[in-house]
Amino acid sequence: MKRCLTLAVLLAALLPAPAEAARPLSLGIFDSWSRAKGPISGETLLGEADSAGAALALNSVSWRSVAPTSPSASFDAADPADPEYSWGGIDDFVRDADAQELEIIMLISSAPDWAEGAGRPPGAAVGTWKPDPAELADFATAIATRYSGGFVDPASESSEPLPWVGYYQAWAEANLSTRLSPQWSGAENRRGEAKPRSPKIYRDMLNAFYPAIKHVDRSMSVIGSGTAPYGDEPGGRRMRPLDFWGEVLCLRGSDLTPGACPVKARFDIFAHHPINTSGRPSLAPVDPRDISSANLGVLVDALRKAERAKRAQPPGSHPVWVTEFWYRSNPPEGKLGLAPRKHGRYVAESLYLFWRAGAEVAVNLLVRDTELNLDSVTDPAGSGLYYADGRGKPALLNFRFPFVADRLHESAVRLWGKAPGPGAVSIEARGDDGEWERIARLRAGANGIFTGRRRIAGSATLRAVLRADASPTWRLPG
């Protein structure tokens, strides 16, 4: 092949990073799997998630929708077979996801009125006001028992037990007043600021939820609330995630110094939603206490500090999961969406940044676009990997086979990706004649991750190839 590459590839040896390559990054999808009321069935969506390379399916369970509005005196909240519970399509989702061999995450939030604290003010969203930890524990017992792998619904005609579900997430975005309230108390501290309230409320909820799940099956895992990326100054409707977790994990002050901690938070997996609405994935938030894709490592460092100080239980290192991220594409979102290729590139770059920060799971919001809500500028209806009609976007391949070349300094470039399977991965550069030439050879392990470093001076268009599969191209600037 004629050699006419525009880049200057220095023929230094490839510097492999076997320890880095061993670090996993599993992929998941969070969707409204019960879209069966429309033209798309949940079974179809789960099949598309599987085709996209997802290993996990996250399902949101509204506690208030499953529980009775006004329970009778005989209602047993810890019994999944109590006839006053309405599990709706959750059983169908579990069976369908299990049939696709997808691991399931059950996200529980939104308390029924009778499980909220007294005196919910008119401005507080329903289901958010001081949820009762003991009532939450009963519901955790019920849902974990139902999906313990041995439960047969007495109201069902089937004699087959419902499948096992291994992951249970306690609450969504607990640092937002739309999810958990109050975020702040009316009383002020010495600096004249409102005092944090939601972290203690949430820690008490989490510490009731954890033993309830573990009592059913110790091999089940409890995931902490995936916190939202942005917050407000004290007294606002949101709490910045670094401030929220600092309070939950007993880390005090701007430098997050471990403080007194008579009650320690209990969870198996730490979660956050490092969504970046500011621009490209590497663009840092204006306030460093907000945590997006660009600075997820700051929050991970805070977690590790809490672990070293024994402020998080059980002892030891907790895996970090991204339980929601997204970018919008245009189409369908004309004003807020990204051009399809840029949308795909941002998906791949986000996955790389999550992995670099130490995350082991990344969950994209939506497998397929939903109908646009023109009244909401925050509704990510265009964040799917497929368009609403089922056609795959460029982001589909960027999710299934992400590849990124990250220039670390003048000539050193980290090559990173997640292949659809294990094996030898060729890194290729495109020359002026449009032909591809291999410049590196890496190995994807059982988890698909491959990474290494190469000296590349100047701009280049690169791709990764695993047998007949090629990743989307990555343009490396000079």
Protein backbone atom coordinates (compact mmCIF):
# COMPACT_ATOMS: atom_id res chain seq x y z
CA MET A 1 0.00 0.00 0.00
CA LYS A 2 1.27 3.45 -0.87
CA ARG A 3 2.33 5.32 2.24
CA CYS A 4 1.07 8.91 2.21
CA LEU A 5 -0.09 9.64 5.75
CA THR A 6 -0.49 13.28 6.73
CA LEU A 7 0.60 12.59 10.29
CA ALA A 8 4.12 12.06 11.54
CA VAL A 9 4.02 8.78 13.39
CA LEU A 10 7.15 8.37 15.44
CA LEU A 11 8.17 4.74 15.36
CA ALA A 12 8.48 4.36 19.09
CA ALA A 13 7.29 1.19 20.77
CA LEU A 14 3.66 1.02 21.83
CA LEU A 15 3.36 1.56 25.55
CA PRO A 16 0.67 -0.86 26.74
CA ALA A 17 -1.26 -0.30 29.93
CA PRO A 18 -2.40 -3.77 31.05
CA ALA A 19 -3.62 -2.59 34.46
CA GLU A 20 -5.77 0.10 32.85
CA ALA A 21 -7.13 -2.32 30.25
CA ALA A 22 -8.29 -4.61 33.05
CA ARG A 23 -10.59 -1.90 34.40
CA PRO A 24 -14.10 -2.59 33.11
CA LEU A 25 -16.78 -0.33 31.72
CA SER A 26 -20.12 -2.08 31.33
CA LEU A 27 -22.86 -0.33 29.37
CA GLY A 28 -26.52 0.06 30.23
CA ILE A 29 -29.73 1.72 29.06
CA PHE A 30 -32.39 3.56 31.08
CA ASP A 31 -35.72 3.84 29.29
CA SER A 32 -39.48 3.85 29.80
CA TRP A 33 -39.67 0.14 29.10
CA SER A 34 -43.45 0.15 29.47
CA ARG A 35 -43.95 2.05 26.22
CA ALA A 36 -46.10 -0.95 25.23
CA LYS A 37 -49.11 1.38 25.31
CA GLY A 38 -47.78 2.91 22.11
CA PRO A 39 -46.50 1.33 18.90
CA ILE A 40 -43.23 0.15 20.50
CA SER A 41 -43.23 -2.75 22.94
CA GLY A 42 -40.90 -3.04 25.88
CA GLU A 43 -39.67 -6.32 24.42
CA THR A 44 -38.62 -4.48 21.23
CA LEU A 45 -36.79 -1.80 23.20
CA LEU A 46 -34.95 -4.38 25.28
CA GLY A 47 -33.91 -6.18 22.10
CA GLU A 48 -32.54 -2.91 20.72
CA ALA A 49 -30.65 -2.32 23.98
CA ASP A 50 -29.08 -5.74 23.67
CA SER A 51 -28.13 -5.07 20.03
CA ALA A 52 -26.52 -1.79 21.10
CA GLY A 53 -24.16 -3.67 23.39
CA ALA A 54 -25.89 -2.93 26.68
CA ALA A 55 -25.38 -5.38 29.52
CA LEU A 56 -27.79 -3.70 31.95
CA ALA A 57 -31.31 -2.31 31.81
CA LEU A 58 -32.34 0.28 34.40
CA ASN A 59 -36.03 0.45 35.26
CA SER A 60 -37.64 3.23 37.30
CA VAL A 61 -40.19 1.99 39.83
CA SER A 62 -42.59 4.53 41.31
CA TRP A 63 -43.25 3.35 44.84
CA ARG A 64 -46.44 5.44 44.99
CA SER A 65 -47.75 3.81 41.79
CA VAL A 66 -47.18 0.27 43.06
CA ALA A 67 -48.45 0.88 46.58
CA PRO A 68 -52.11 1.45 47.48
CA THR A 69 -53.32 5.04 47.71
CA SER A 70 -55.07 4.36 51.01
CA PRO A 71 -53.88 1.06 52.51
CA SER A 72 -56.28 -0.97 54.62
CA ALA A 73 -55.56 -2.00 58.18
CA SER A 74 -54.61 -5.48 56.95
CA PHE A 75 -52.10 -4.26 54.31
CA ASP A 76 -48.69 -5.89 54.76
CA ALA A 77 -46.19 -3.57 53.06
CA ALA A 78 -43.35 -6.10 53.29
CA ASP A 79 -45.34 -8.83 51.48
CA PRO A 80 -44.99 -8.71 47.67
CA ALA A 81 -48.09 -10.90 47.34
CA ASP A 82 -50.34 -8.49 49.23
CA PRO A 83 -53.30 -7.91 46.89
CA GLU A 84 -53.25 -4.17 47.55
CA TYR A 85 -49.96 -3.88 45.66
CA SER A 86 -50.19 -3.23 41.92
CA TRP A 87 -47.00 -4.38 40.21
CA GLY A 88 -48.38 -3.56 36.76
CA GLY A 89 -45.93 -4.18 33.93
CA ILE A 90 -42.88 -4.52 36.18
CA ASP A 91 -43.15 -8.32 36.11
CA ASP A 92 -43.31 -8.28 32.30
CA PHE A 93 -40.25 -6.04 32.13
CA VAL A 94 -38.29 -8.35 34.42
CA ARG A 95 -39.19 -11.41 32.36
CA ASP A 96 -38.38 -9.69 29.05
CA ALA A 97 -35.07 -8.26 30.29
CA ASP A 98 -34.10 -11.62 31.75
CA ALA A 99 -34.90 -13.27 28.39
CA GLN A 100 -32.45 -10.85 26.74
CA GLU A 101 -29.88 -11.78 29.41
CA LEU A 102 -29.72 -8.17 30.57
CA GLU A 103 -28.89 -7.50 34.20
CA ILE A 104 -31.59 -5.39 35.84
CA ILE A 105 -31.33 -2.30 38.01
CA MET A 106 -34.48 -1.39 39.93
CA LEU A 107 -34.57 2.32 40.76
CA ILE A 108 -37.08 3.03 43.54
CA SER A 109 -38.36 6.54 44.23
CA SER A 110 -41.48 8.64 44.88
CA ALA A 111 -43.16 7.77 48.17
CA PRO A 112 -46.92 7.28 48.55
CA ASP A 113 -48.65 10.00 50.54
CA TRP A 114 -48.97 7.85 53.65
CA ALA A 115 -45.20 7.19 53.67
CA GLU A 116 -44.25 10.89 53.52
CA GLY A 117 -43.56 13.09 56.51
CA ALA A 118 -46.33 15.18 57.98
CA GLY A 119 -47.05 18.68 56.74
CA ARG A 120 -45.89 18.56 53.14
CA PRO A 121 -46.06 22.21 52.00
CA PRO A 122 -47.95 23.13 48.81
CA GLY A 123 -44.72 23.83 46.93
CA ALA A 124 -43.17 20.40 47.54
CA ALA A 125 -43.54 17.78 44.80
CA VAL A 126 -45.66 14.78 45.73
CA GLY A 127 -43.68 11.75 46.81
CA THR A 128 -40.64 13.76 47.92
CA TRP A 129 -41.40 15.08 51.40
CA LYS A 130 -39.35 13.39 54.15
CA PRO A 131 -40.02 9.77 53.08
CA ASP A 132 -40.34 7.45 56.07
CA PRO A 133 -37.26 5.19 56.27
CA ALA A 134 -39.16 2.35 57.95
CA GLU A 135 -41.87 2.37 55.27
CA LEU A 136 -39.18 2.45 52.58
CA ALA A 137 -37.54 -0.58 54.21
CA ASP A 138 -40.83 -2.49 54.02
CA PHE A 139 -41.18 -1.70 50.32
CA ALA A 140 -37.54 -2.70 49.75
CA THR A 141 -38.28 -6.03 51.41
CA ALA A 142 -41.33 -6.52 49.20
CA ILE A 143 -39.64 -5.75 45.88
CA ALA A 144 -36.46 -7.68 46.68
CA THR A 145 -38.53 -10.69 47.77
CA ARG A 146 -40.64 -10.52 44.62
CA TYR A 147 -37.53 -10.64 42.44
CA SER A 148 -35.46 -13.00 44.58
CA GLY A 149 -35.62 -15.73 41.96
CA GLY A 150 -37.90 -17.99 43.95
CA PHE A 151 -41.13 -16.01 44.25
CA VAL A 152 -44.22 -17.32 42.47
CA ASP A 153 -47.04 -14.78 42.28
CA PRO A 154 -50.14 -16.46 43.72
CA ALA A 155 -52.31 -14.15 41.58
CA SER A 156 -50.64 -15.32 38.37
CA GLU A 157 -51.61 -18.31 36.26
CA SER A 158 -47.94 -19.12 35.82
CA SER A 159 -46.23 -21.51 38.23
CA GLU A 160 -42.80 -20.21 37.18
CA PRO A 161 -40.98 -18.04 39.70
CA LEU A 162 -40.18 -14.49 38.68
CA PRO A 163 -36.53 -13.91 37.67
CA TRP A 164 -33.84 -12.74 40.06
CA VAL A 165 -32.88 -9.05 40.13
CA GLY A 166 -29.53 -8.20 41.63
CA TYR A 167 -29.37 -4.38 41.77
CA TYR A 168 -31.59 -1.98 43.72
CA GLN A 169 -31.06 1.78 43.64
CA ALA A 170 -32.39 3.88 46.49
CA TRP A 171 -33.92 7.05 45.06
CA ALA A 172 -33.24 9.20 42.03
CA GLU A 173 -31.30 12.47 42.14
CA ALA A 174 -31.73 13.02 45.86
CA ASN A 175 -30.00 16.41 45.61
CA LEU A 176 -33.00 17.90 43.74
CA SER A 177 -36.13 19.20 45.48
CA THR A 178 -38.21 17.67 42.68
CA ARG A 179 -37.04 14.28 43.99
CA LEU A 180 -36.41 14.78 47.71
CA SER A 181 -37.48 17.63 49.94
CA PRO A 182 -36.71 19.71 51.82
CA GLN A 183 -33.20 20.24 50.45
CA TRP A 184 -32.42 22.94 53.02
CA SER A 185 -33.77 23.92 56.41
CA GLY A 186 -35.09 27.38 57.19
CA ALA A 187 -32.53 27.85 59.96
CA GLU A 188 -29.21 29.42 59.01
CA ASN A 189 -25.65 28.61 59.98
CA ARG A 190 -23.11 31.11 61.30
CA ARG A 191 -22.38 32.36 57.79
CA GLY A 192 -26.03 33.24 57.32
CA GLU A 193 -26.59 30.34 54.89
CA ALA A 194 -29.40 27.81 54.90
CA LYS A 195 -28.44 24.49 56.48
CA PRO A 196 -28.35 21.27 54.41
CA ARG A 197 -31.31 19.03 55.18
CA SER A 198 -31.65 16.47 52.39
CA PRO A 199 -28.32 14.64 53.02
CA LYS A 200 -29.38 13.47 56.50
CA ILE A 201 -32.88 12.59 55.26
CA TYR A 202 -31.34 10.57 52.47
CA ARG A 203 -28.72 8.85 54.64
CA ASP A 204 -31.47 7.66 57.01
CA MET A 205 -33.46 6.35 54.02
CA LEU A 206 -30.40 4.60 52.56
CA ASN A 207 -29.49 3.04 55.90
CA ALA A 208 -33.00 1.57 56.20
CA PHE A 209 -33.08 0.42 52.57
CA TYR A 210 -29.70 -1.36 52.74
CA PRO A 211 -30.39 -3.94 55.47
CA ALA A 212 -33.88 -4.61 54.09
CA ILE A 213 -32.45 -5.65 50.72
CA LYS A 214 -29.60 -7.61 52.32
CA HIS A 215 -31.99 -9.47 54.61
CA VAL A 216 -33.67 -10.93 51.52
CA ASP A 217 -30.42 -11.85 49.74
CA ARG A 218 -26.95 -10.73 50.77
CA SER A 219 -25.71 -11.12 47.19
CA MET A 220 -28.04 -8.34 46.03
CA SER A 221 -26.37 -4.93 45.66
CA VAL A 222 -27.62 -1.56 46.90
CA ILE A 223 -26.80 1.47 44.75
CA GLY A 224 -26.77 4.97 46.19
CA SER A 225 -28.82 7.74 44.63
CA GLY A 226 -27.46 8.83 41.27
CA THR A 227 -27.08 12.53 42.02
CA ALA A 228 -27.87 15.24 39.48
CA PRO A 229 -24.85 17.15 38.10
CA TYR A 230 -25.78 20.74 38.96
CA GLY A 231 -27.00 22.58 42.04
CA ASP A 232 -27.63 26.00 43.53
CA GLU A 233 -26.23 28.11 46.31
CA PRO A 234 -27.56 27.33 49.84
CA GLY A 235 -31.31 27.76 50.06
CA GLY A 236 -31.99 26.93 46.40
CA ARG A 237 -34.05 24.09 45.01
CA ARG A 238 -30.99 21.97 44.23
CA MET A 239 -27.86 21.03 46.15
CA ARG A 240 -24.53 20.80 44.39
CA PRO A 241 -23.51 17.12 44.26
CA LEU A 242 -20.12 17.62 45.93
CA ASP A 243 -21.85 19.41 48.81
CA PHE A 244 -24.58 16.75 49.02
CA TRP A 245 -22.21 13.79 49.14
CA GLY A 246 -19.86 15.68 51.45
CA GLU A 247 -22.68 15.87 53.98
CA VAL A 248 -23.83 12.27 53.43
CA LEU A 249 -20.27 10.99 53.87
CA CYS A 250 -19.36 13.31 56.77
CA LEU A 251 -16.76 15.31 54.85
CA ARG A 252 -16.64 18.88 56.12
CA GLY A 253 -15.69 22.20 54.61
CA SER A 254 -14.46 23.18 51.17
CA ASP A 255 -11.53 20.75 51.48
CA LEU A 256 -13.86 17.87 52.48
CA THR A 257 -12.05 17.00 55.70
CA PRO A 258 -13.47 13.89 57.42
CA GLY A 259 -15.51 14.96 60.43
CA ALA A 260 -17.46 13.33 63.22
CA CYS A 261 -19.72 10.66 61.79
CA PRO A 262 -21.88 8.83 64.33
CA VAL A 263 -24.09 7.44 61.52
CA LYS A 264 -22.29 6.21 58.41
CA ALA A 265 -23.92 5.73 55.03
CA ARG A 266 -24.35 2.12 53.88
CA PHE A 267 -24.29 1.16 50.21
CA ASP A 268 -22.49 -1.23 47.87
CA ILE A 269 -22.20 0.96 44.77
CA PHE A 270 -21.74 4.73 44.49
CA ALA A 271 -23.65 6.46 41.68
CA HIS A 272 -23.81 9.85 39.99
CA HIS A 273 -25.31 11.41 36.83
CA PRO A 274 -22.40 13.32 35.24
CA ILE A 275 -24.55 14.84 32.51
CA ASN A 276 -22.92 17.79 30.76
CA THR A 277 -25.33 20.46 29.58
CA SER A 278 -22.58 23.08 29.25
CA GLY A 279 -21.11 21.80 25.98
CA ARG A 280 -18.58 19.16 24.97
CA PRO A 281 -17.93 16.38 27.49
CA SER A 282 -14.52 17.76 28.50
CA LEU A 283 -15.88 21.23 29.36
CA ALA A 284 -15.83 21.66 33.13
CA PRO A 285 -18.77 23.14 35.08
CA VAL A 286 -18.55 26.79 36.10
CA ASP A 287 -18.82 25.85 39.78
CA PRO A 288 -16.31 23.14 40.78
CA ARG A 289 -18.83 21.70 43.25
CA ASP A 290 -21.01 20.72 40.29
CA ILE A 291 -19.93 17.41 38.76
CA SER A 292 -20.33 16.64 35.05
CA SER A 293 -18.48 14.33 32.68
CA ALA A 294 -15.45 16.64 32.74
CA ASN A 295 -14.70 16.44 36.48
CA LEU A 296 -16.27 13.18 37.68
CA GLY A 297 -12.88 12.29 39.16
CA VAL A 298 -13.31 15.03 41.78
CA LEU A 299 -16.36 13.25 43.19
CA VAL A 300 -14.63 9.87 43.00
CA ASP A 301 -11.70 11.33 44.94
CA ALA A 302 -14.13 12.52 47.64
CA LEU A 303 -15.58 9.02 47.87
CA ARG A 304 -12.11 7.50 48.22
CA LYS A 305 -11.26 10.01 50.96
CA ALA A 306 -14.43 8.99 52.82
CA GLU A 307 -13.54 5.31 52.43
CA ARG A 308 -10.03 5.83 53.80
CA ALA A 309 -11.54 7.64 56.77
CA LYS A 310 -14.08 4.80 57.21
CA ARG A 311 -17.00 7.17 56.62
CA ALA A 312 -18.69 4.80 54.13
CA GLN A 313 -19.92 1.31 54.95
CA PRO A 314 -19.25 -1.49 54.37
CA PRO A 315 -15.48 -0.88 54.58
CA GLY A 316 -13.36 -0.96 51.45
CA SER A 317 -13.62 0.42 47.94
CA HIS A 318 -17.06 0.96 46.42
CA PRO A 319 -17.53 0.69 42.64
CA VAL A 320 -18.60 3.90 40.91
CA TRP A 321 -21.49 3.77 38.44
CA VAL A 322 -22.87 6.40 36.07
CA THR A 323 -26.56 5.54 36.25
CA GLU A 324 -27.60 8.25 33.78
CA PHE A 325 -25.93 10.32 31.07
CA TRP A 326 -27.17 11.73 27.78
CA TYR A 327 -26.75 14.13 24.90
CA ARG A 328 -29.51 15.13 22.49
CA SER A 329 -29.35 14.84 18.72
CA ASN A 330 -30.85 16.97 15.95
CA PRO A 331 -33.05 15.52 14.62
CA PRO A 332 -35.31 15.34 16.52
CA GLU A 333 -34.44 18.27 18.84
CA GLY A 334 -33.89 21.13 16.41
CA LYS A 335 -32.94 23.87 18.89
CA LEU A 336 -31.09 21.90 21.54
CA GLY A 337 -29.80 18.83 19.70
CA LEU A 338 -26.37 18.15 18.26
CA ALA A 339 -25.65 17.16 14.67
CA PRO A 340 -25.79 13.33 14.55
CA ARG A 341 -22.04 12.82 14.12
CA LYS A 342 -21.20 15.21 16.95
CA HIS A 343 -23.84 13.52 19.12
CA GLY A 344 -22.11 10.18 18.51
CA ARG A 345 -18.66 11.61 19.22
CA TYR A 346 -19.88 13.10 22.49
CA VAL A 347 -21.26 9.71 23.55
CA ALA A 348 -17.90 8.03 22.90
CA GLU A 349 -15.94 10.80 24.62
CA SER A 350 -18.23 10.69 27.65
CA LEU A 351 -17.68 6.94 28.01
CA TYR A 352 -13.93 7.48 27.90
CA LEU A 353 -14.06 10.24 30.53
CA PHE A 354 -16.20 8.08 32.82
CA TRP A 355 -13.75 5.19 32.50
CA ARG A 356 -10.80 7.52 33.07
CA ALA A 357 -12.42 8.79 36.29
CA GLY A 358 -12.85 5.21 37.53
CA ALA A 359 -16.49 4.44 36.69
CA GLU A 360 -17.29 0.79 35.98
CA VAL A 361 -20.79 1.22 34.50
CA ALA A 362 -22.32 3.88 32.24
CA VAL A 363 -26.06 4.01 31.53
CA ASN A 364 -27.38 6.05 28.59
CA LEU A 365 -30.83 7.58 28.91
CA LEU A 366 -33.13 6.12 26.20
CA VAL A 367 -32.49 3.40 23.72
CA ARG A 368 -34.91 5.02 21.24
CA ASP A 369 -36.06 8.64 20.93
CA THR A 370 -39.40 9.51 22.47
CA GLU A 371 -41.99 12.03 21.35
CA LEU A 372 -40.78 15.60 21.88
CA ASN A 373 -42.19 17.55 24.79
CA LEU A 374 -42.15 21.05 23.34
CA ASP A 375 -43.07 22.55 26.72
CA SER A 376 -39.87 21.33 28.36
CA VAL A 377 -36.33 22.45 27.59
CA THR A 378 -34.92 19.80 29.94
CA ASP A 379 -36.69 16.77 28.44
CA PRO A 380 -34.00 14.69 26.66
CA ALA A 381 -36.39 13.17 24.13
CA GLY A 382 -33.63 13.03 21.51
CA SER A 383 -31.04 11.20 23.62
CA GLY A 384 -31.72 7.76 22.19
CA LEU A 385 -29.28 5.62 20.24
CA TYR A 386 -32.04 5.00 17.71
CA TYR A 387 -34.41 7.49 16.11
CA ALA A 388 -38.09 7.14 16.97
CA ASP A 389 -38.70 5.10 13.80
CA GLY A 390 -36.07 2.52 14.79
CA ARG A 391 -33.21 3.68 12.55
CA GLY A 392 -29.84 3.65 14.27
CA LYS A 393 -28.04 6.93 14.85
CA PRO A 394 -24.27 7.38 14.55
CA ALA A 395 -24.34 7.30 18.36
CA LEU A 396 -25.42 3.65 18.20
CA LEU A 397 -22.02 2.58 16.89
CA ASN A 398 -20.22 5.04 19.19
CA PHE A 399 -21.97 3.34 22.11
CA ARG A 400 -21.44 -0.21 20.85
CA PHE A 401 -17.79 0.36 19.79
CA PRO A 402 -16.47 3.62 21.31
CA PHE A 403 -12.97 4.71 20.37
CA VAL A 404 -11.13 7.85 21.53
CA ALA A 405 -7.62 9.21 20.96
CA ASP A 406 -6.69 11.57 23.79
CA ARG A 407 -3.64 13.79 23.30
CA LEU A 408 -1.92 13.81 26.67
CA HIS A 409 0.83 16.22 25.59
CA GLU A 410 2.69 17.20 22.42
CA SER A 411 3.18 13.78 20.90
CA ALA A 412 1.91 11.25 23.45
CA VAL A 413 -1.60 10.00 22.71
CA ARG A 414 -3.68 7.61 24.76
CA LEU A 415 -5.69 5.24 22.57
CA TRP A 416 -8.79 3.92 24.30
CA GLY A 417 -11.87 2.02 23.36
CA LYS A 418 -14.35 -0.69 24.18
CA ALA A 419 -14.62 -3.33 21.47
CA PRO A 420 -17.75 -5.47 20.93
CA GLY A 421 -15.72 -8.48 22.03
CA PRO A 422 -12.24 -9.67 23.03
CA GLY A 423 -9.31 -10.01 20.66
CA ALA A 424 -6.61 -8.15 18.79
CA VAL A 425 -7.59 -4.57 17.89
CA SER A 426 -5.82 -2.70 15.10
CA ILE A 427 -5.52 1.08 15.38
CA GLU A 428 -5.48 2.50 11.87
CA ALA A 429 -4.73 5.94 10.45
CA ARG A 430 -6.16 7.23 7.17
CA GLY A 431 -3.72 8.59 4.63
CA ASP A 432 -4.12 11.29 1.98
CA ASP A 433 -5.18 8.61 -0.51
CA GLY A 434 -8.02 7.49 1.78
CA GLU A 435 -6.32 4.18 2.54
CA TRP A 436 -6.01 2.89 6.09
CA GLU A 437 -2.69 1.85 7.61
CA ARG A 438 -2.20 0.10 10.92
CA ILE A 439 -0.12 2.12 13.38
CA ALA A 440 -0.71 0.12 16.55
CA ARG A 441 -2.01 -3.20 17.74
CA LEU A 442 -3.78 -3.51 21.09
CA ARG A 443 -5.63 -6.32 22.82
CA ALA A 444 -9.19 -6.09 24.07
CA GLY A 445 -9.74 -8.26 27.12
CA ALA A 446 -12.88 -10.14 28.09
CA ASN A 447 -14.48 -6.82 29.08
CA GLY A 448 -13.74 -5.34 25.63
CA ILE A 449 -11.53 -2.55 26.97
CA PHE A 450 -8.33 -1.81 25.09
CA THR A 451 -5.90 0.98 25.81
CA GLY A 452 -2.33 1.98 25.15
CA ARG A 453 -0.14 4.95 24.30
CA ARG A 454 1.45 5.94 21.03
CA ARG A 455 3.59 8.83 19.91
CA ILE A 456 1.66 10.73 17.25
CA ALA A 457 2.72 14.22 16.20
CA GLY A 458 0.30 16.25 14.12
CA SER A 459 -3.31 15.70 13.20
CA ALA A 460 -4.70 12.30 12.28
CA THR A 461 -7.93 10.49 11.47
CA LEU A 462 -7.99 7.21 13.37
CA ARG A 463 -10.21 4.21 13.90
CA ALA A 464 -10.12 0.90 15.76
CA VAL A 465 -10.81 -2.41 14.02
CA LEU A 466 -11.72 -5.74 15.60
CA ARG A 467 -11.98 -8.39 12.90
CA ALA A 468 -14.84 -7.19 10.63
CA ASP A 469 -15.97 -4.48 13.07
CA ALA A 470 -14.68 -0.91 12.75
CA SER A 471 -15.32 1.88 15.23
CA PRO A 472 -16.41 5.36 14.12
CA THR A 473 -13.45 7.51 13.15
CA TRP A 474 -11.80 9.85 15.63
CA ARG A 475 -10.24 13.09 14.42
CA LEU A 476 -7.12 13.85 16.45
CA PRO A 477 -6.16 17.52 16.18
CA GLY A 478 -2.56 18.58 15.71
